Amino acid sequence: MKRISLVSLFIISTILLSAQTGYPGKYNVIWNSPSTDASGQMPLGNGDIAAGVYAIEDDTLYLLLSKNDAFTYNGDIFKTGRVRVSLSPNPFSAGKAFKQCLDLLTGSISIECDGLKIRVWADARRPVYHIQIEADHKVDVRAEPEFWKRDDGSPWNITREAIDPPTQDMLVEDRECCSI
């Protein structure tokens, strides 16, 4: 009797698990237009680092950066800066087709617009973000870090100047434009 119960439990579990294949994909977040400002960002991270990713119409792709142990004096998570990724010609211009998707299964953000495919994700083993750009035409890409001064209103928890040079390894050694 116990053997039949265990086999039945195994079969039911297998059926329920196989019925949920692709289940997280049903809840992917999809936007059909760029954001107007930083309030329209999608979350991205790996448990240690986090970013809010957003594309601004007629502007740029941004990653608003934070770290899980960077707290303000009041206990809020501090935004350490952002990365500005400028693309030329600008794929986010008004009137162009746009699709941004938060893919829950892969933990990445994909953007499709103006013949470009952009994928952004955080490395699972290192504090590194990846931005992959595929284009069917020539695109100039420029990535610039913007480090912010830290000031949360506490006289004991302040950095008066931007961190320069940055303390993390930077993937973009040459800040000049490069073509894909």
C-alpha atoms as a PDB file:
ATOM      1  CA  MET A   1       0.000   0.000   0.000  1.00  0.00           C
ATOM      2  CA  LYS A   2       2.850   2.394   0.841  1.00  0.00           C
ATOM      3  CA  ARG A   3       4.522   1.596  -2.451  1.00  0.00           C
ATOM      4  CA  ILE A   4       1.368   2.483  -4.416  1.00  0.00           C
ATOM      5  CA  SER A   5       1.016   5.756  -2.483  1.00  0.00           C
ATOM      6  CA  LEU A   6       4.640   6.722  -3.170  1.00  0.00           C
ATOM      7  CA  VAL A   7       4.333   5.887  -6.870  1.00  0.00           C
ATOM      8  CA  SER A   8       1.071   7.840  -7.090  1.00  0.00           C
ATOM      9  CA  LEU A   9       2.648  10.808  -5.327  1.00  0.00           C
ATOM     10  CA  PHE A  10       5.620  10.696  -7.712  1.00  0.00           C
ATOM     11  CA  ILE A  11       3.366  10.575 -10.784  1.00  0.00           C
ATOM     12  CA  ILE A  12       1.171  13.444  -9.566  1.00  0.00           C
ATOM     13  CA  SER A  13       4.251  15.548  -8.726  1.00  0.00           C
ATOM     14  CA  THR A  14       5.752  14.887 -12.160  1.00  0.00           C
ATOM     15  CA  ILE A  15       2.511  15.860 -13.906  1.00  0.00           C
ATOM     16  CA  LEU A  16       2.191  19.074 -11.891  1.00  0.00           C
ATOM     17  CA  LEU A  17       5.815  20.064 -12.483  1.00  0.00           C
ATOM     18  CA  SER A  18       5.667  19.336 -16.211  1.00  0.00           C
ATOM     19  CA  ALA A  19       2.460  21.365 -16.509  1.00  0.00           C
ATOM     20  CA  GLN A  20       4.350  24.372 -15.159  1.00  0.00           C
ATOM     21  CA  THR A  21       7.095  24.347 -17.808  1.00  0.00           C
ATOM     22  CA  GLY A  22       7.522  27.912 -18.987  1.00  0.00           C
ATOM     23  CA  TYR A  23       5.327  29.052 -16.114  1.00  0.00           C
ATOM     24  CA  PRO A  24       7.380  32.163 -15.183  1.00  0.00           C
ATOM     25  CA  GLY A  25       7.240  33.338 -18.797  1.00  0.00           C
ATOM     26  CA  LYS A  26       3.519  33.989 -18.440  1.00  0.00           C
ATOM     27  CA  TYR A  27       4.356  36.816 -16.058  1.00  0.00           C
ATOM     28  CA  ASN A  28       7.065  38.578 -18.075  1.00  0.00           C
ATOM     29  CA  VAL A  29       6.671  42.341 -18.003  1.00  0.00           C
ATOM     30  CA  ILE A  30       6.521  43.894 -21.494  1.00  0.00           C
ATOM     31  CA  TRP A  31       6.569  47.590 -22.343  1.00  0.00           C
ATOM     32  CA  ASN A  32       5.848  48.987 -25.798  1.00  0.00           C
ATOM     33  CA  SER A  33       7.381  52.433 -25.319  1.00  0.00           C
ATOM     34  CA  PRO A  34      10.510  53.874 -23.718  1.00  0.00           C
ATOM     35  CA  SER A  35      10.338  55.428 -20.248  1.00  0.00           C
ATOM     36  CA  THR A  36       9.917  59.125 -19.649  1.00  0.00           C
ATOM     37  CA  ASP A  37      12.333  59.175 -16.692  1.00  0.00           C
ATOM     38  CA  ALA A  38      14.017  57.007 -14.046  1.00  0.00           C
ATOM     39  CA  SER A  39      10.658  56.107 -12.487  1.00  0.00           C
ATOM     40  CA  GLY A  40      10.046  53.772 -15.456  1.00  0.00           C
ATOM     41  CA  GLN A  41      12.796  51.270 -14.743  1.00  0.00           C
ATOM     42  CA  MET A  42      12.861  47.475 -14.728  1.00  0.00           C
ATOM     43  CA  PRO A  43      14.738  45.690 -11.931  1.00  0.00           C
ATOM     44  CA  LEU A  44      17.775  43.526 -12.556  1.00  0.00           C
ATOM     45  CA  GLY A  45      20.283  41.885 -10.231  1.00  0.00           C
ATOM     46  CA  ASN A  46      22.047  38.820  -8.891  1.00  0.00           C
ATOM     47  CA  GLY A  47      21.520  39.027  -5.114  1.00  0.00           C
ATOM     48  CA  ASP A  48      24.640  41.144  -4.569  1.00  0.00           C
ATOM     49  CA  ILE A  49      24.251  43.930  -7.113  1.00  0.00           C
ATOM     50  CA  ALA A  50      21.121  45.462  -8.556  1.00  0.00           C
ATOM     51  CA  ALA A  51      20.217  47.878 -11.318  1.00  0.00           C
ATOM     52  CA  GLY A  52      17.174  49.671 -12.570  1.00  0.00           C
ATOM     53  CA  VAL A  53      17.294  49.525 -16.381  1.00  0.00           C
ATOM     54  CA  TYR A  54      15.450  52.112 -18.431  1.00  0.00           C
ATOM     55  CA  ALA A  55      15.581  53.594 -21.925  1.00  0.00           C
ATOM     56  CA  ILE A  56      14.570  57.216 -22.385  1.00  0.00           C
ATOM     57  CA  GLU A  57      12.833  58.288 -25.596  1.00  0.00           C
ATOM     58  CA  ASP A  58      15.118  60.516 -27.690  1.00  0.00           C
ATOM     59  CA  ASP A  59      17.992  59.844 -25.295  1.00  0.00           C
ATOM     60  CA  THR A  60      19.904  56.899 -23.851  1.00  0.00           C
ATOM     61  CA  LEU A  61      19.849  53.505 -22.101  1.00  0.00           C
ATOM     62  CA  TYR A  62      20.602  53.796 -18.373  1.00  0.00           C
ATOM     63  CA  LEU A  63      21.509  51.369 -15.598  1.00  0.00           C
ATOM     64  CA  LEU A  64      20.809  52.893 -12.170  1.00  0.00           C
ATOM     65  CA  LEU A  65      23.231  50.978  -9.897  1.00  0.00           C
ATOM     66  CA  SER A  66      22.981  49.813  -6.296  1.00  0.00           C
ATOM     67  CA  LYS A  67      24.479  47.168  -4.018  1.00  0.00           C
ATOM     68  CA  ASN A  68      22.664  45.097  -1.424  1.00  0.00           C
ATOM     69  CA  ASP A  69      24.950  46.272   1.399  1.00  0.00           C
ATOM     70  CA  ALA A  70      25.116  49.991   0.487  1.00  0.00           C
ATOM     71  CA  PHE A  71      22.740  51.508   3.022  1.00  0.00           C
ATOM     72  CA  THR A  72      22.171  55.116   3.958  1.00  0.00           C
ATOM     73  CA  TYR A  73      22.205  56.258   7.562  1.00  0.00           C
ATOM     74  CA  ASN A  74      18.415  55.860   7.564  1.00  0.00           C
ATOM     75  CA  GLY A  75      18.582  52.255   6.299  1.00  0.00           C
ATOM     76  CA  ASP A  76      17.573  52.917   2.684  1.00  0.00           C
ATOM     77  CA  ILE A  77      19.480  51.249  -0.140  1.00  0.00           C
ATOM     78  CA  PHE A  78      21.853  53.803  -1.612  1.00  0.00           C
ATOM     79  CA  LYS A  79      22.136  54.259  -5.385  1.00  0.00           C
ATOM     80  CA  THR A  80      25.873  54.303  -6.092  1.00  0.00           C
ATOM     81  CA  GLY A  81      25.599  55.832  -9.554  1.00  0.00           C
ATOM     82  CA  ARG A  82      24.526  54.933 -13.031  1.00  0.00           C
ATOM     83  CA  VAL A  83      25.893  53.882 -16.389  1.00  0.00           C
ATOM     84  CA  ARG A  84      24.837  55.823 -19.466  1.00  0.00           C
ATOM     85  CA  VAL A  85      24.893  53.823 -22.721  1.00  0.00           C
ATOM     86  CA  SER A  86      24.537  56.164 -25.692  1.00  0.00           C
ATOM     87  CA  LEU A  87      23.730  54.693 -29.098  1.00  0.00           C
ATOM     88  CA  SER A  88      24.088  56.494 -32.395  1.00  0.00           C
ATOM     89  CA  PRO A  89      21.895  56.626 -34.382  1.00  0.00           C
ATOM     90  CA  ASN A  90      19.430  56.818 -31.498  1.00  0.00           C
ATOM     91  CA  PRO A  91      17.110  53.777 -31.601  1.00  0.00           C
ATOM     92  CA  PHE A  92      14.763  55.242 -28.976  1.00  0.00           C
ATOM     93  CA  SER A  93      13.507  58.157 -31.099  1.00  0.00           C
ATOM     94  CA  ALA A  94       9.817  59.006 -31.015  1.00  0.00           C
ATOM     95  CA  GLY A  95       7.643  57.023 -33.391  1.00  0.00           C
ATOM     96  CA  LYS A  96       9.977  54.025 -33.737  1.00  0.00           C
ATOM     97  CA  ALA A  97       8.827  50.538 -32.798  1.00  0.00           C
ATOM     98  CA  PHE A  98       9.953  49.598 -29.276  1.00  0.00           C
ATOM     99  CA  LYS A  99       9.622  46.534 -27.055  1.00  0.00           C
ATOM    100  CA  GLN A 100      11.245  46.049 -23.632  1.00  0.00           C
ATOM    101  CA  CYS A 101      10.784  42.754 -21.787  1.00  0.00           C
ATOM    102  CA  LEU A 102      11.711  41.649 -18.277  1.00  0.00           C
ATOM    103  CA  ASP A 103      12.357  37.934 -18.868  1.00  0.00           C
ATOM    104  CA  LEU A 104      11.722  36.212 -15.543  1.00  0.00           C
ATOM    105  CA  LEU A 105      13.036  32.828 -16.679  1.00  0.00           C
ATOM    106  CA  THR A 106      16.508  34.125 -17.629  1.00  0.00           C
ATOM    107  CA  GLY A 107      16.633  37.091 -15.245  1.00  0.00           C
ATOM    108  CA  SER A 108      17.453  39.479 -18.070  1.00  0.00           C
ATOM    109  CA  ILE A 109      16.001  42.482 -19.831  1.00  0.00           C
ATOM    110  CA  SER A 110      15.701  42.534 -23.601  1.00  0.00           C
ATOM    111  CA  ILE A 111      14.977  45.552 -25.759  1.00  0.00           C
ATOM    112  CA  GLU A 112      14.088  45.402 -29.456  1.00  0.00           C
ATOM    113  CA  CYS A 113      13.942  48.635 -31.437  1.00  0.00           C
ATOM    114  CA  ASP A 114      15.018  50.069 -34.775  1.00  0.00           C
ATOM    115  CA  GLY A 115      16.857  46.946 -35.967  1.00  0.00           C
ATOM    116  CA  LEU A 116      18.622  46.484 -32.600  1.00  0.00           C
ATOM    117  CA  LYS A 117      18.433  43.714 -30.044  1.00  0.00           C
ATOM    118  CA  ILE A 118      19.795  44.666 -26.627  1.00  0.00           C
ATOM    119  CA  ARG A 119      20.064  42.206 -23.743  1.00  0.00           C
ATOM    120  CA  VAL A 120      21.116  43.266 -20.228  1.00  0.00           C
ATOM    121  CA  TRP A 121      21.826  40.869 -17.367  1.00  0.00           C
ATOM    122  CA  ALA A 122      23.855  40.565 -14.170  1.00  0.00           C
ATOM    123  CA  ASP A 123      26.523  37.878 -13.918  1.00  0.00           C
ATOM    124  CA  ALA A 124      25.463  35.254 -11.371  1.00  0.00           C
ATOM    125  CA  ARG A 125      28.983  34.753  -9.970  1.00  0.00           C
ATOM    126  CA  ARG A 126      30.589  38.220 -10.126  1.00  0.00           C
ATOM    127  CA  PRO A 127      29.444  41.822  -9.569  1.00  0.00           C
ATOM    128  CA  VAL A 128      29.329  42.517 -13.315  1.00  0.00           C
ATOM    129  CA  TYR A 129      26.568  43.642 -15.666  1.00  0.00           C
ATOM    130  CA  HIS A 130      26.528  42.531 -19.294  1.00  0.00           C
ATOM    131  CA  ILE A 131      25.053  44.561 -22.140  1.00  0.00           C
ATOM    132  CA  GLN A 132      24.859  42.645 -25.414  1.00  0.00           C
ATOM    133  CA  ILE A 133      23.921  44.592 -28.539  1.00  0.00           C
ATOM    134  CA  GLU A 134      23.133  43.032 -31.910  1.00  0.00           C
ATOM    135  CA  ALA A 135      22.398  45.269 -34.875  1.00  0.00           C
ATOM    136  CA  ASP A 136      21.646  44.861 -38.561  1.00  0.00           C
ATOM    137  CA  HIS A 137      23.386  48.193 -39.250  1.00  0.00           C
ATOM    138  CA  LYS A 138      26.379  50.171 -37.962  1.00  0.00           C
ATOM    139  CA  VAL A 139      25.858  51.543 -34.442  1.00  0.00           C
ATOM    140  CA  ASP A 140      28.226  53.664 -32.389  1.00  0.00           C
ATOM    141  CA  VAL A 141      28.124  52.788 -28.683  1.00  0.00           C
ATOM    142  CA  ARG A 142      29.467  54.879 -25.830  1.00  0.00           C
ATOM    143  CA  ALA A 143      29.306  53.744 -22.186  1.00  0.00           C
ATOM    144  CA  GLU A 144      30.013  56.263 -19.445  1.00  0.00           C
ATOM    145  CA  PRO A 145      29.891  55.706 -15.669  1.00  0.00           C
ATOM    146  CA  GLU A 146      28.383  58.434 -13.522  1.00  0.00           C
ATOM    147  CA  PHE A 147      29.472  58.039  -9.888  1.00  0.00           C
ATOM    148  CA  TRP A 148      27.546  60.091  -7.363  1.00  0.00           C
ATOM    149  CA  LYS A 149      28.535  61.709  -4.120  1.00  0.00           C
ATOM    150  CA  ARG A 150      27.036  60.070  -1.086  1.00  0.00           C
ATOM    151  CA  ASP A 151      24.962  62.350   1.127  1.00  0.00           C
ATOM    152  CA  ASP A 152      22.017  61.058   3.140  1.00  0.00           C
ATOM    153  CA  GLY A 153      21.726  63.947   5.576  1.00  0.00           C
ATOM    154  CA  SER A 154      23.954  62.380   8.222  1.00  0.00           C
ATOM    155  CA  PRO A 155      27.193  64.177   9.158  1.00  0.00           C
ATOM    156  CA  TRP A 156      28.888  60.789   9.723  1.00  0.00           C
ATOM    157  CA  ASN A 157      27.896  59.101   6.491  1.00  0.00           C
ATOM    158  CA  ILE A 158      29.015  61.336   3.642  1.00  0.00           C
ATOM    159  CA  THR A 159      31.462  61.325   0.768  1.00  0.00           C
ATOM    160  CA  ARG A 160      31.894  64.853  -0.499  1.00  0.00           C
ATOM    161  CA  GLU A 161      33.475  63.955  -3.844  1.00  0.00           C
ATOM    162  CA  ALA A 162      32.679  61.395  -6.500  1.00  0.00           C
ATOM    163  CA  ILE A 163      34.698  58.190  -6.329  1.00  0.00           C
ATOM    164  CA  ASP A 164      37.487  58.510  -8.872  1.00  0.00           C
ATOM    165  CA  PRO A 165      38.916  56.169  -9.940  1.00  0.00           C
ATOM    166  CA  PRO A 166      36.067  53.719  -9.365  1.00  0.00           C
ATOM    167  CA  THR A 167      36.688  50.910  -6.905  1.00  0.00           C
ATOM    168  CA  GLN A 168      35.129  48.162  -9.034  1.00  0.00           C
ATOM    169  CA  ASP A 169      36.758  46.714 -12.138  1.00  0.00           C
ATOM    170  CA  MET A 170      35.285  48.377 -15.179  1.00  0.00           C
ATOM    171  CA  LEU A 171      34.508  46.370 -18.280  1.00  0.00           C
ATOM    172  CA  VAL A 172      34.760  49.427 -20.510  1.00  0.00           C
ATOM    173  CA  GLU A 173      38.430  50.415 -20.417  1.00  0.00           C
ATOM    174  CA  ASP A 174      38.253  52.785 -23.371  1.00  0.00           C
ATOM    175  CA  ARG A 175      35.377  55.234 -23.033  1.00  0.00           C
ATOM    176  CA  GLU A 176      35.527  56.229 -26.684  1.00  0.00           C
ATOM    177  CA  CYS A 177      32.868  55.200 -29.157  1.00  0.00           C
ATOM    178  CA  CYS A 178      33.157  51.800 -30.739  1.00  0.00           C
ATOM    179  CA  SER A 179      31.297  50.389 -33.715  1.00  0.00           C
ATOM    180  CA  ILE A 180      29.536  47.096 -33.806  1.00  0.00           C
END
